[in-house]
Amino acid sequence: MGNLRREKSGENSALRSEDLRILVSCVGSDTLIRNQLTNSGFCCSKLSDFTFDLSCFFGCWIENGNILINCTMACSCKCNCEQTMSPVRRTFCLLTLFDLVLTFLLWILYTQIKGQSPYEAFDTEVAHYGIHSSLFDLVMLAAFRFTSLILAYGLFALHNPWVVAVTTTISSGFLIAKVFLFAFTKEDRDSPILDYLLLVSSFVLPWAETWFLDFKVLPRELKERLIDLRRAASEISPLLYGRSRYEAWEQAGQSGMSSAFYSPMGGSPENRSLAGDVQVLPRKQTVVDVPAPIVPSPLTTDQKKLLLERGQSSLLVINGLLARSGWKLEKQGKNDSHVYSIHDKRFGKVFKIQGIIHASTADLFADIYLRVKDLPKWNSSVAHSERVDVLDDHTDICYVCVNDQAGGMVSGRDFLDVRCYEKTVSESEGTIKYVIASMGCEHVRKPVLSEFVRGVNGPNAWIIEAMPPGPDGEERSLFTSVLNTDLKGWIPQSIVDQALSTVLFDLIKSLQKKYSPQGGATAPGAPSSS
């Protein structure tokens, strides 16, 4: 397909000049893709090139007399966007400034300890410079690094490590030569070792800048751009069935219509949709049905069966874990929302948190299970989320990208899970309880990308139980979240525990902030422990 040129309206301007290749689902029409990208607004304020290269076909089908092709496209995006500097890039620029200021300060202290006045120091170190006797060249080397790196990564916002590699190479080579040529005197050996410290710091700081740019700045910004590409590419999917059907589903899911768009599947009455039993409450707008898949599933019957069985098994595992005793206090939180943990032989350490949310069970169920795209709007730990596939009326595939945790020590991860839910009604009290369980899986629409670390979730769950109304008559629900995941990578267990506890605290805090005017609530008593 040809190059696509478009102009941007504003928000997703985080794309830069590299080729970012991701998998997207779209129809084989250059005009339709061009129009959809124009409406999506995900490039930049200047003209940009979009190149779509056909990789392979998933298949085709016929609807209303039109042949629709669902294909895997490799999307190459090149653009020069104007955007505010990312926080991690600003930190890198501050590091280069710190390099210059620290080197100059150490040089000033070095001349003062030698008993030289500022004029004498300038005359000896600068006016009569000699590589054998002067250390002012280290200040000039730091100024060279600062100027080069600020111009490259601050002003021109480059996204490759070549400039910092050149400055580090030049600095290291010069310092190695300086060590052999500089004339260390007996007075230097007897006096405080500021000259040695100046040489060592001038060697360490350039390598620290190289490490920070190559392992922190560039990977973080690339992940953010890929998330923006995924979010924009997901807007292409409605073309498969036309805008009218997609908009009808969006309006039903977002506005809480009393009868959301829904395509029932044939079968016996006992296999009918559980989502159809969700009651519409007058207090809040509530989604009442799981929408039918926007595009037909590319999975075979056997693949669907395996994923459905995995979803059902996650429910069984979660119910077994919740019934066990031996949950131990892991970390205390505010408002009595504490994190507990238990060790399982199959899955390792499992975490749990409970809290009371001032919302109905139907509202919470809609936020957690139905409105997948809205998760980043209220959950501070989630950067991007989308429903990849719908297997049946109560099972789907969900893709989630999470933000960095533990103060950046655990970088962002992406997860792909099969989710399954069950709804029960208490015979004695008539209260409703939802159990939403999930477990890691694989899907052809979301292959593992080299730019992301794909985490693998064990049995996770969100349990929503109705509670008696509060003193003010407000509806309340007991919310429980169970978390078990393998973050991959060489991360100490203590940091993993801290990161997972933070995720659970953020989840409870986000829900309480959304529904409670006071931004918090109390949790029930601690679980039993042995």
Protein backbone atom coordinates (compact mmCIF):
# COMPACT_ATOMS: atom_id res chain seq x y z
CA MET A 1 0.00 0.00 0.00
CA GLY A 2 1.08 3.52 -0.63
CA ASN A 3 2.27 6.12 1.79
CA LEU A 4 -0.43 7.81 3.87
CA ARG A 5 -0.07 11.50 4.72
CA ARG A 6 -2.21 13.20 7.34
CA GLU A 7 -2.30 16.08 9.78
CA LYS A 8 -2.73 15.79 13.51
CA SER A 9 -5.29 17.42 15.72
CA GLY A 10 -3.58 17.21 19.02
CA GLU A 11 -3.09 14.47 21.56
CA ASN A 12 -1.13 11.39 20.48
CA SER A 13 1.99 13.24 19.39
CA ALA A 14 4.42 10.89 21.11
CA LEU A 15 5.60 9.24 17.87
CA ARG A 16 9.06 10.03 16.59
CA SER A 17 11.30 9.35 13.63
CA GLU A 18 11.93 5.64 14.18
CA ASP A 19 10.16 2.83 12.39
CA LEU A 20 7.72 1.44 14.96
CA ARG A 21 6.41 -1.92 13.84
CA ILE A 22 3.36 -3.41 15.51
CA LEU A 23 0.56 -5.73 14.49
CA VAL A 24 -2.83 -4.18 13.79
CA SER A 25 -6.09 -5.52 12.37
CA CYS A 26 -7.54 -3.59 9.46
CA VAL A 27 -9.27 -4.02 6.11
CA GLY A 28 -7.30 -4.16 2.90
CA SER A 29 -8.31 -0.72 1.67
CA ASP A 30 -5.80 2.11 1.44
CA THR A 31 -8.58 4.71 1.30
CA LEU A 32 -10.37 3.36 4.37
CA ILE A 33 -7.16 3.19 6.37
CA ARG A 34 -6.23 6.72 5.31
CA ASN A 35 -9.63 8.05 6.40
CA GLN A 36 -9.54 6.15 9.69
CA LEU A 37 -6.05 7.40 10.56
CA THR A 38 -7.16 10.93 9.75
CA ASN A 39 -10.14 10.62 12.07
CA SER A 40 -8.07 8.92 14.78
CA GLY A 41 -5.57 11.77 14.98
CA PHE A 42 -2.52 9.81 16.03
CA CYS A 43 0.37 11.31 14.14
CA CYS A 44 1.75 14.81 14.31
CA SER A 45 1.03 18.41 13.43
CA LYS A 46 3.32 18.17 10.40
CA LEU A 47 2.92 15.93 7.38
CA SER A 48 3.99 12.39 8.20
CA ASP A 49 4.41 9.16 6.30
CA PHE A 50 2.57 5.97 7.12
CA THR A 51 3.62 2.85 5.26
CA PHE A 52 1.52 -0.31 5.50
CA ASP A 53 3.12 -3.51 4.24
CA LEU A 54 0.88 -6.54 3.92
CA SER A 55 2.27 -9.45 5.93
CA CYS A 56 -0.33 -12.22 5.83
CA PHE A 57 -4.05 -12.88 5.79
CA PHE A 58 -6.11 -14.30 8.62
CA GLY A 59 -9.10 -14.95 6.41
CA CYS A 60 -12.12 -13.36 4.85
CA TRP A 61 -15.89 -13.48 5.10
CA ILE A 62 -18.95 -11.93 3.51
CA GLU A 63 -21.44 -9.57 5.12
CA ASN A 64 -24.19 -7.64 3.31
CA GLY A 65 -22.68 -8.65 0.01
CA ASN A 66 -19.26 -7.16 0.78
CA ILE A 67 -16.11 -9.24 1.12
CA LEU A 68 -14.24 -8.15 4.24
CA ILE A 69 -10.65 -9.20 4.77
CA ASN A 70 -9.09 -9.34 8.22
CA CYS A 71 -5.35 -9.17 7.71
CA THR A 72 -2.21 -8.67 9.73
CA MET A 73 -0.42 -5.52 8.67
CA ALA A 74 3.02 -4.34 9.69
CA CYS A 75 2.65 -0.64 10.35
CA SER A 76 5.73 1.50 9.85
CA CYS A 77 5.37 5.05 11.14
CA LYS A 78 7.85 7.85 10.51
CA CYS A 79 7.09 11.24 11.91
CA ASN A 80 8.70 14.22 13.55
CA CYS A 81 6.38 15.33 16.32
CA GLU A 82 6.46 18.39 18.49
CA GLN A 83 5.73 17.45 22.08
CA THR A 84 6.74 18.36 25.56
CA MET A 85 9.82 16.62 26.87
CA SER A 86 9.12 13.39 28.73
CA PRO A 87 9.96 13.30 32.46
CA VAL A 88 12.65 10.66 32.03
CA ARG A 89 14.33 12.74 29.30
CA ARG A 90 14.25 15.81 31.53
CA THR A 91 15.99 13.74 34.21
CA PHE A 92 18.70 12.83 31.70
CA CYS A 93 19.22 16.51 30.83
CA LEU A 94 19.52 17.31 34.54
CA LEU A 95 22.11 14.54 34.84
CA THR A 96 24.25 16.14 32.12
CA LEU A 97 23.97 19.51 33.91
CA PHE A 98 24.95 17.83 37.19
CA ASP A 99 28.00 16.38 35.41
CA LEU A 100 29.17 19.86 34.37
CA VAL A 101 28.45 21.55 37.72
CA LEU A 102 30.10 18.79 39.79
CA THR A 103 33.24 18.77 37.62
CA PHE A 104 33.59 22.55 37.82
CA LEU A 105 33.01 22.51 41.60
CA LEU A 106 35.65 19.81 42.15
CA TRP A 107 38.11 21.79 40.03
CA ILE A 108 37.48 24.94 42.12
CA LEU A 109 38.05 22.96 45.34
CA TYR A 110 41.21 21.44 43.85
CA THR A 111 42.71 24.88 43.14
CA GLN A 112 41.66 26.23 46.56
CA ILE A 113 43.33 23.37 48.42
CA LYS A 114 46.51 24.02 46.46
CA GLY A 115 46.48 27.53 47.99
CA GLN A 116 45.87 29.42 44.74
CA SER A 117 43.71 32.50 44.44
CA PRO A 118 41.11 32.56 41.65
CA TYR A 119 43.42 34.72 39.50
CA GLU A 120 46.40 32.45 40.09
CA ALA A 121 44.32 29.39 39.36
CA PHE A 122 43.10 30.90 36.09
CA ASP A 123 46.62 31.90 35.10
CA THR A 124 48.13 28.53 35.93
CA GLU A 125 45.37 26.17 34.81
CA VAL A 126 43.87 28.09 31.87
CA ALA A 127 46.19 30.81 30.50
CA HIS A 128 49.28 28.60 30.76
CA TYR A 129 47.47 25.33 30.19
CA GLY A 130 49.53 22.19 29.96
CA ILE A 131 48.19 18.63 29.85
CA HIS A 132 50.91 17.54 32.29
CA SER A 133 50.02 20.08 34.99
CA SER A 134 46.47 21.36 34.49
CA LEU A 135 43.11 19.74 35.23
CA PHE A 136 40.99 22.44 33.62
CA ASP A 137 40.73 20.28 30.51
CA LEU A 138 38.38 18.02 32.49
CA VAL A 139 36.02 20.99 32.96
CA MET A 140 36.18 21.72 29.24
CA LEU A 141 35.50 18.03 28.54
CA ALA A 142 32.41 18.18 30.79
CA ALA A 143 31.26 21.34 28.97
CA PHE A 144 31.69 19.51 25.65
CA ARG A 145 29.55 16.62 26.90
CA PHE A 146 26.89 18.96 28.27
CA THR A 147 26.65 20.98 25.05
CA SER A 148 26.55 17.92 22.78
CA LEU A 149 23.99 15.98 24.82
CA ILE A 150 21.68 18.93 25.46
CA LEU A 151 21.65 19.82 21.77
CA ALA A 152 21.10 16.20 20.69
CA TYR A 153 18.62 14.97 23.28
CA GLY A 154 17.18 18.20 24.67
CA LEU A 155 16.82 20.48 21.66
CA PHE A 156 16.61 18.02 18.75
CA ALA A 157 15.11 15.17 20.85
CA LEU A 158 17.01 12.38 19.11
CA HIS A 159 15.98 8.78 19.74
CA ASN A 160 19.26 6.95 19.17
CA PRO A 161 22.28 6.52 21.45
CA TRP A 162 25.01 7.47 18.99
CA VAL A 163 25.70 10.97 20.32
CA VAL A 164 26.12 9.84 23.92
CA ALA A 165 28.24 6.93 22.69
CA VAL A 166 30.58 9.37 20.90
CA THR A 167 30.89 11.71 23.90
CA THR A 168 31.56 8.80 26.26
CA THR A 169 34.18 7.32 23.92
CA ILE A 170 35.99 10.65 23.55
CA SER A 171 35.86 11.28 27.30
CA SER A 172 37.13 7.80 28.18
CA GLY A 173 39.96 7.94 25.66
CA PHE A 174 41.09 11.36 26.78
CA LEU A 175 40.97 10.40 30.48
CA ILE A 176 43.03 7.24 29.91
CA ALA A 177 45.67 9.34 28.15
CA LYS A 178 45.45 12.01 30.86
CA VAL A 179 46.21 9.50 33.62
CA PHE A 180 49.50 8.58 31.93
CA LEU A 181 50.50 12.15 31.03
CA PHE A 182 49.47 14.08 34.14
CA ALA A 183 52.38 14.75 36.52
CA PHE A 184 51.26 13.73 39.99
CA THR A 185 53.60 15.42 42.50
CA LYS A 186 54.53 14.42 46.05
CA GLU A 187 52.32 17.22 47.31
CA ASP A 188 49.37 15.69 45.46
CA ARG A 189 49.93 12.36 47.17
CA ASP A 190 50.16 14.01 50.61
CA SER A 191 47.22 16.42 50.12
CA PRO A 192 43.54 15.49 49.87
CA ILE A 193 42.95 13.39 46.79
CA LEU A 194 40.72 15.85 44.91
CA ASP A 195 42.78 15.47 41.73
CA TYR A 196 42.19 11.70 41.80
CA LEU A 197 38.50 12.25 42.60
CA LEU A 198 38.18 14.69 39.71
CA LEU A 199 39.66 12.17 37.29
CA VAL A 200 37.50 9.29 38.55
CA SER A 201 34.26 11.30 38.51
CA SER A 202 35.01 12.52 34.99
CA PHE A 203 35.27 8.88 33.94
CA VAL A 204 32.23 7.54 35.83
CA LEU A 205 29.69 10.25 34.97
CA PRO A 206 29.83 9.80 31.16
CA TRP A 207 29.22 6.07 31.54
CA ALA A 208 26.33 6.79 33.92
CA GLU A 209 24.81 9.07 31.27
CA THR A 210 25.21 6.38 28.65
CA TRP A 211 23.57 3.75 30.84
CA PHE A 212 20.66 6.02 31.82
CA LEU A 213 19.90 7.00 28.22
CA ASP A 214 20.22 3.51 26.76
CA PHE A 215 18.43 1.57 29.52
CA LYS A 216 15.93 4.12 30.86
CA VAL A 217 15.16 7.01 28.50
CA LEU A 218 14.94 5.31 25.11
CA PRO A 219 13.10 2.10 26.21
CA ARG A 220 10.58 4.08 28.28
CA GLU A 221 9.75 6.48 25.45
CA LEU A 222 9.53 3.64 22.94
CA LYS A 223 6.98 1.86 25.14
CA GLU A 224 4.92 5.03 25.39
CA ARG A 225 4.92 5.45 21.62
CA LEU A 226 3.93 1.81 21.08
CA ILE A 227 1.04 2.23 23.50
CA ASP A 228 -0.13 5.25 21.52
CA LEU A 229 0.14 3.27 18.29
CA ARG A 230 -1.88 0.40 19.75
CA ARG A 231 -4.55 2.78 21.00
CA ALA A 232 -4.81 4.46 17.61
CA ALA A 233 -4.69 1.19 15.68
CA SER A 234 -7.61 -0.17 17.68
CA GLU A 235 -9.74 2.56 16.10
CA ILE A 236 -9.33 0.80 12.74
CA SER A 237 -11.33 -2.25 13.81
CA PRO A 238 -14.78 -0.62 13.46
CA LEU A 239 -14.22 -0.46 9.69
CA LEU A 240 -14.83 -4.19 9.51
CA TYR A 241 -18.52 -3.77 10.30
CA GLY A 242 -19.08 -0.10 9.58
CA ARG A 243 -19.27 2.89 11.91
CA SER A 244 -22.96 2.62 12.67
CA ARG A 245 -22.68 -0.74 14.41
CA TYR A 246 -19.55 0.26 16.30
CA GLU A 247 -21.05 3.53 17.48
CA ALA A 248 -24.17 1.69 18.64
CA TRP A 249 -22.05 -0.61 20.77
CA GLU A 250 -19.97 2.28 22.14
CA GLN A 251 -23.07 4.23 23.09
CA ALA A 252 -24.53 1.18 24.76
CA GLY A 253 -21.35 0.51 26.71
CA GLN A 254 -20.57 4.09 27.67
CA SER A 255 -23.95 5.66 28.34
CA GLY A 256 -25.57 2.78 30.17
CA MET A 257 -28.62 2.22 27.97
CA SER A 258 -31.24 -0.01 29.48
CA SER A 259 -30.91 -2.48 26.63
CA ALA A 260 -27.35 -2.55 25.29
CA PHE A 261 -26.60 -3.92 21.84
CA TYR A 262 -26.26 -7.64 22.14
CA SER A 263 -26.21 -10.58 19.72
CA PRO A 264 -27.37 -13.73 21.52
CA MET A 265 -25.89 -17.05 20.53
CA GLY A 266 -27.94 -20.14 20.03
CA GLY A 267 -28.02 -22.82 22.66
CA SER A 268 -29.95 -24.33 25.48
CA PRO A 269 -31.52 -22.11 28.16
CA GLU A 270 -28.93 -23.14 30.73
CA ASN A 271 -26.18 -21.79 28.46
CA ARG A 272 -27.73 -18.38 27.96
CA SER A 273 -25.74 -15.22 28.75
CA LEU A 274 -25.02 -14.59 32.39
CA ALA A 275 -24.54 -10.94 31.53
CA GLY A 276 -28.19 -10.69 30.63
CA ASP A 277 -29.01 -11.12 34.32
CA VAL A 278 -27.30 -7.90 35.36
CA GLN A 279 -29.99 -5.68 36.79
CA VAL A 280 -30.36 -2.04 35.77
CA LEU A 281 -30.17 0.11 38.88
CA PRO A 282 -31.69 3.61 38.84
CA ARG A 283 -28.91 5.07 40.96
CA LYS A 284 -26.25 5.01 38.26
CA GLN A 285 -26.05 4.29 34.58
CA THR A 286 -25.09 0.67 34.19
CA VAL A 287 -23.96 -1.49 31.30
CA VAL A 288 -26.19 -4.52 31.14
CA ASP A 289 -24.67 -6.84 28.57
CA VAL A 290 -21.31 -8.00 27.29
CA PRO A 291 -21.06 -6.70 23.71
CA ALA A 292 -20.69 -9.11 20.86
CA PRO A 293 -17.19 -9.24 19.34
CA ILE A 294 -16.50 -6.45 16.88
CA VAL A 295 -14.61 -8.82 14.56
CA PRO A 296 -14.96 -12.59 14.21
CA SER A 297 -12.50 -14.51 16.31
CA PRO A 298 -9.47 -15.85 14.38
CA LEU A 299 -9.20 -18.82 16.76
CA THR A 300 -9.99 -22.37 15.79
CA THR A 301 -12.55 -24.41 17.68
CA ASP A 302 -9.85 -26.29 19.57
CA GLN A 303 -8.07 -23.06 20.53
CA LYS A 304 -11.32 -21.58 21.80
CA LYS A 305 -12.04 -24.71 23.80
CA LEU A 306 -8.64 -24.61 25.48
CA LEU A 307 -9.03 -20.94 26.41
CA LEU A 308 -12.55 -21.52 27.73
CA GLU A 309 -11.28 -24.37 29.88
CA ARG A 310 -8.46 -22.15 31.14
CA GLY A 311 -10.95 -19.47 32.10
CA GLN A 312 -13.13 -21.95 33.97
CA SER A 313 -10.11 -23.40 35.75
CA SER A 314 -9.12 -19.91 36.92
CA LEU A 315 -12.51 -19.63 38.62
CA LEU A 316 -12.00 -22.94 40.38
CA VAL A 317 -8.49 -22.00 41.52
CA ILE A 318 -9.64 -18.62 42.86
CA ASN A 319 -12.54 -20.14 44.78
CA GLY A 320 -10.12 -22.65 46.30
CA LEU A 321 -7.62 -19.95 47.31
CA LEU A 322 -10.29 -17.78 48.91
CA ALA A 323 -11.60 -20.72 50.92
CA ARG A 324 -8.17 -21.46 52.39
CA SER A 325 -6.99 -20.27 55.77
CA GLY A 326 -3.47 -19.05 56.40
CA TRP A 327 -3.57 -15.61 54.79
CA LYS A 328 -0.86 -13.52 56.46
CA LEU A 329 -0.60 -9.76 56.71
CA GLU A 330 1.85 -8.56 54.06
CA LYS A 331 1.59 -4.78 54.25
CA GLN A 332 -0.63 -2.38 56.14
CA GLY A 333 -2.44 0.38 54.32
CA LYS A 334 -4.64 3.32 55.17
CA ASN A 335 -8.34 2.97 55.99
CA ASP A 336 -7.85 -0.66 57.07
CA SER A 337 -7.27 -1.81 53.48
CA HIS A 338 -4.41 -4.22 54.15
CA VAL A 339 -2.60 -6.55 51.75
CA TYR A 340 -2.48 -10.24 52.71
CA SER A 341 -0.52 -13.06 51.13
CA ILE A 342 -0.50 -16.83 51.02
CA HIS A 343 1.90 -19.31 49.45
CA ASP A 344 0.62 -21.81 46.92
CA LYS A 345 2.70 -24.76 45.71
CA ARG A 346 1.61 -24.32 42.10
CA PHE A 347 1.63 -20.55 41.70
CA GLY A 348 3.90 -19.25 44.45
CA LYS A 349 3.00 -16.14 46.41
CA VAL A 350 -0.57 -14.88 46.02
CA PHE A 351 -1.68 -11.45 47.25
CA LYS A 352 -5.12 -10.24 48.32
CA ILE A 353 -6.69 -6.94 49.35
CA GLN A 354 -10.22 -6.04 50.47
CA GLY A 355 -12.08 -2.76 50.72
CA ILE A 356 -15.60 -1.36 50.86
CA ILE A 357 -16.61 0.65 47.80
CA HIS A 358 -19.65 2.93 47.82
CA ALA A 359 -21.09 1.56 44.59
CA SER A 360 -23.50 -1.14 43.48
CA THR A 361 -22.27 -4.54 42.37
CA ALA A 362 -23.51 -3.86 38.83
CA ASP A 363 -21.56 -0.61 38.59
CA LEU A 364 -18.35 -2.23 39.80
CA PHE A 365 -18.87 -5.20 37.49
CA ALA A 366 -19.25 -2.81 34.57
CA ASP A 367 -16.07 -0.93 35.49
CA ILE A 368 -13.95 -4.04 36.01
CA TYR A 369 -15.24 -6.37 33.30
CA LEU A 370 -17.30 -4.56 30.68
CA ARG A 371 -15.69 -1.17 30.18
CA VAL A 372 -12.22 -2.48 29.38
CA LYS A 373 -11.08 0.59 27.44
CA ASP A 374 -11.95 2.87 30.37
CA LEU A 375 -9.60 1.17 32.86
CA PRO A 376 -6.78 3.74 32.38
CA LYS A 377 -9.21 6.56 33.10
CA TRP A 378 -9.63 5.61 36.76
CA ASN A 379 -6.91 3.02 37.50
CA SER A 380 -3.59 4.83 37.91
CA SER A 381 -1.58 1.61 37.43
CA VAL A 382 -2.96 0.91 33.92
CA ALA A 383 -1.52 2.69 30.89
CA HIS A 384 -3.58 0.95 28.19
CA SER A 385 -6.23 -1.77 28.04
CA GLU A 386 -8.38 -3.37 25.35
CA ARG A 387 -10.60 -6.38 24.75
CA VAL A 388 -8.85 -8.56 22.19
CA ASP A 389 -11.46 -11.26 21.65
CA VAL A 390 -14.80 -12.48 23.03
CA LEU A 391 -14.98 -16.25 23.41
CA ASP A 392 -18.51 -16.53 24.78
CA ASP A 393 -21.02 -14.57 26.81
CA HIS A 394 -18.93 -14.65 29.99
CA THR A 395 -15.35 -15.21 28.74
CA ASP A 396 -13.06 -12.85 26.86
CA ILE A 397 -9.38 -12.06 26.18
CA CYS A 398 -8.03 -8.82 27.63
CA TYR A 399 -4.73 -7.03 26.94
CA VAL A 400 -3.32 -4.59 29.53
CA CYS A 401 -0.18 -2.44 29.70
CA VAL A 402 0.80 -1.28 33.19
CA ASN A 403 2.97 1.63 34.27
CA ASP A 404 6.32 1.42 36.04
CA GLN A 405 6.16 0.32 39.67
CA ALA A 406 8.33 0.56 42.79
CA GLY A 407 9.65 3.99 41.86
CA GLY A 408 10.76 2.86 38.40
CA MET A 409 12.70 -0.18 39.64
CA VAL A 410 10.14 -2.40 37.88
CA SER A 411 9.57 -1.17 34.35
CA GLY A 412 6.16 -1.31 32.69
CA ARG A 413 4.85 -4.70 31.59
CA ASP A 414 2.12 -5.90 29.28
CA PHE A 415 -0.22 -8.81 30.07
CA LEU A 416 -2.59 -10.93 28.04
CA ASP A 417 -5.25 -12.79 30.03
CA VAL A 418 -8.32 -14.90 29.52
CA ARG A 419 -11.08 -13.61 31.83
CA CYS A 420 -14.13 -15.52 32.99
CA TYR A 421 -16.84 -14.50 35.42
CA GLU A 422 -19.66 -16.10 37.35
CA LYS A 423 -22.64 -14.54 39.09
CA THR A 424 -24.33 -15.99 42.15
CA VAL A 425 -27.36 -14.86 44.14
CA SER A 426 -27.70 -15.66 47.82
CA GLU A 427 -30.88 -17.67 48.45
CA SER A 428 -31.26 -16.39 52.01
CA GLU A 429 -30.52 -12.69 51.53
CA GLY A 430 -30.92 -12.34 47.78
CA THR A 431 -27.60 -10.47 47.44
CA ILE A 432 -25.55 -10.60 44.26
CA LYS A 433 -21.93 -11.71 44.04
CA TYR A 434 -19.64 -11.55 41.01
CA VAL A 435 -16.37 -13.45 40.74
CA ILE A 436 -14.20 -12.32 37.82
CA ALA A 437 -11.16 -14.58 37.43
CA SER A 438 -8.33 -14.36 34.91
CA MET A 439 -5.16 -16.18 33.96
CA GLY A 440 -2.37 -15.55 31.45
CA CYS A 441 -2.79 -16.90 27.93
CA GLU A 442 -1.66 -16.49 24.32
CA HIS A 443 -3.55 -15.10 21.34
CA VAL A 444 -2.63 -14.59 17.70
CA ARG A 445 -3.77 -10.97 17.76
CA LYS A 446 -1.35 -10.03 20.52
CA PRO A 447 2.06 -11.63 19.93
CA VAL A 448 4.92 -10.89 22.29
CA LEU A 449 6.81 -7.75 21.24
CA SER A 450 10.54 -7.34 21.77
CA GLU A 451 9.98 -3.78 23.01
CA PHE A 452 7.88 -5.00 25.97
CA VAL A 453 8.52 -7.44 28.79
CA ARG A 454 5.48 -9.72 28.70
CA GLY A 455 4.47 -10.65 32.22
CA VAL A 456 2.59 -13.87 32.89
CA ASN A 457 -0.36 -13.76 35.25
CA GLY A 458 -1.33 -16.66 37.44
CA PRO A 459 -4.80 -16.82 39.00
CA ASN A 460 -6.06 -13.26 39.43
CA ALA A 461 -9.54 -12.23 40.52
CA TRP A 462 -11.89 -9.39 41.36
CA ILE A 463 -14.74 -10.38 43.69
CA ILE A 464 -17.70 -8.03 44.10
CA GLU A 465 -20.23 -8.77 46.87
CA ALA A 466 -23.29 -6.73 47.73
CA MET A 467 -23.44 -5.33 51.26
CA PRO A 468 -26.23 -3.73 53.30
CA PRO A 469 -26.67 -0.01 52.56
CA GLY A 470 -24.67 2.44 54.63
CA PRO A 471 -26.08 4.86 57.21
CA ASP A 472 -26.83 7.38 54.47
CA GLY A 473 -28.62 4.77 52.37
CA GLU A 474 -25.84 4.56 49.80
CA GLU A 475 -25.27 1.22 48.13
CA ARG A 476 -22.07 -0.52 49.16
CA SER A 477 -20.05 -3.45 47.87
CA LEU A 478 -17.25 -5.50 49.36
CA PHE A 479 -14.48 -5.55 46.77
CA THR A 480 -11.70 -8.16 46.89
CA SER A 481 -8.77 -8.34 44.51
CA VAL A 482 -6.45 -11.36 44.21
CA LEU A 483 -3.12 -10.95 42.42
CA ASN A 484 -0.51 -13.47 41.35
CA THR A 485 1.93 -12.71 38.56
CA ASP A 486 5.37 -13.49 37.21
CA LEU A 487 6.94 -10.18 36.19
CA LYS A 488 9.85 -11.89 34.41
CA GLY A 489 13.34 -10.45 34.50
CA TRP A 490 15.97 -10.51 37.24
CA ILE A 491 14.09 -8.64 39.95
CA PRO A 492 14.63 -9.24 43.71
CA GLN A 493 11.60 -10.77 45.39
CA SER A 494 11.36 -7.91 47.87
CA ILE A 495 10.95 -5.42 45.02
CA VAL A 496 8.37 -7.68 43.34
CA ASP A 497 6.38 -7.87 46.58
CA GLN A 498 6.52 -4.10 46.95
CA ALA A 499 5.39 -3.56 43.34
CA LEU A 500 2.45 -5.98 43.61
CA SER A 501 1.34 -4.51 46.93
CA THR A 502 1.43 -1.05 45.36
CA VAL A 503 -0.73 -2.23 42.46
CA LEU A 504 -3.37 -3.54 44.88
CA PHE A 505 -3.34 -0.37 47.01
CA ASP A 506 -3.65 1.77 43.87
CA LEU A 507 -6.61 -0.30 42.68
CA ILE A 508 -8.55 0.12 45.94
CA LYS A 509 -7.61 3.79 46.18
CA SER A 510 -8.71 4.46 42.58
CA LEU A 511 -12.09 2.79 43.07
CA GLN A 512 -12.70 4.55 46.39
CA LYS A 513 -11.75 7.87 44.85
CA LYS A 514 -14.13 7.30 41.95
CA TYR A 515 -17.17 6.34 44.03
CA SER A 516 -16.66 7.73 47.53
CA PRO A 517 -16.97 11.49 48.13
CA GLN A 518 -14.44 11.15 50.95
CA GLY A 519 -12.04 9.23 48.71
CA GLY A 520 -11.78 6.28 51.03
CA ALA A 521 -13.60 3.64 52.99
CA THR A 522 -12.92 1.05 55.58
CA ALA A 523 -12.32 -2.57 54.95
CA PRO A 524 -13.79 -5.49 56.82
CA GLY A 525 -11.93 -7.49 59.40
CA ALA A 526 -8.71 -9.26 58.58
CA PRO A 527 -8.90 -12.72 57.12
CA SER A 528 -8.11 -15.67 59.29
CA SER A 529 -4.49 -16.69 59.58
CA SER A 530 -2.74 -19.66 60.99
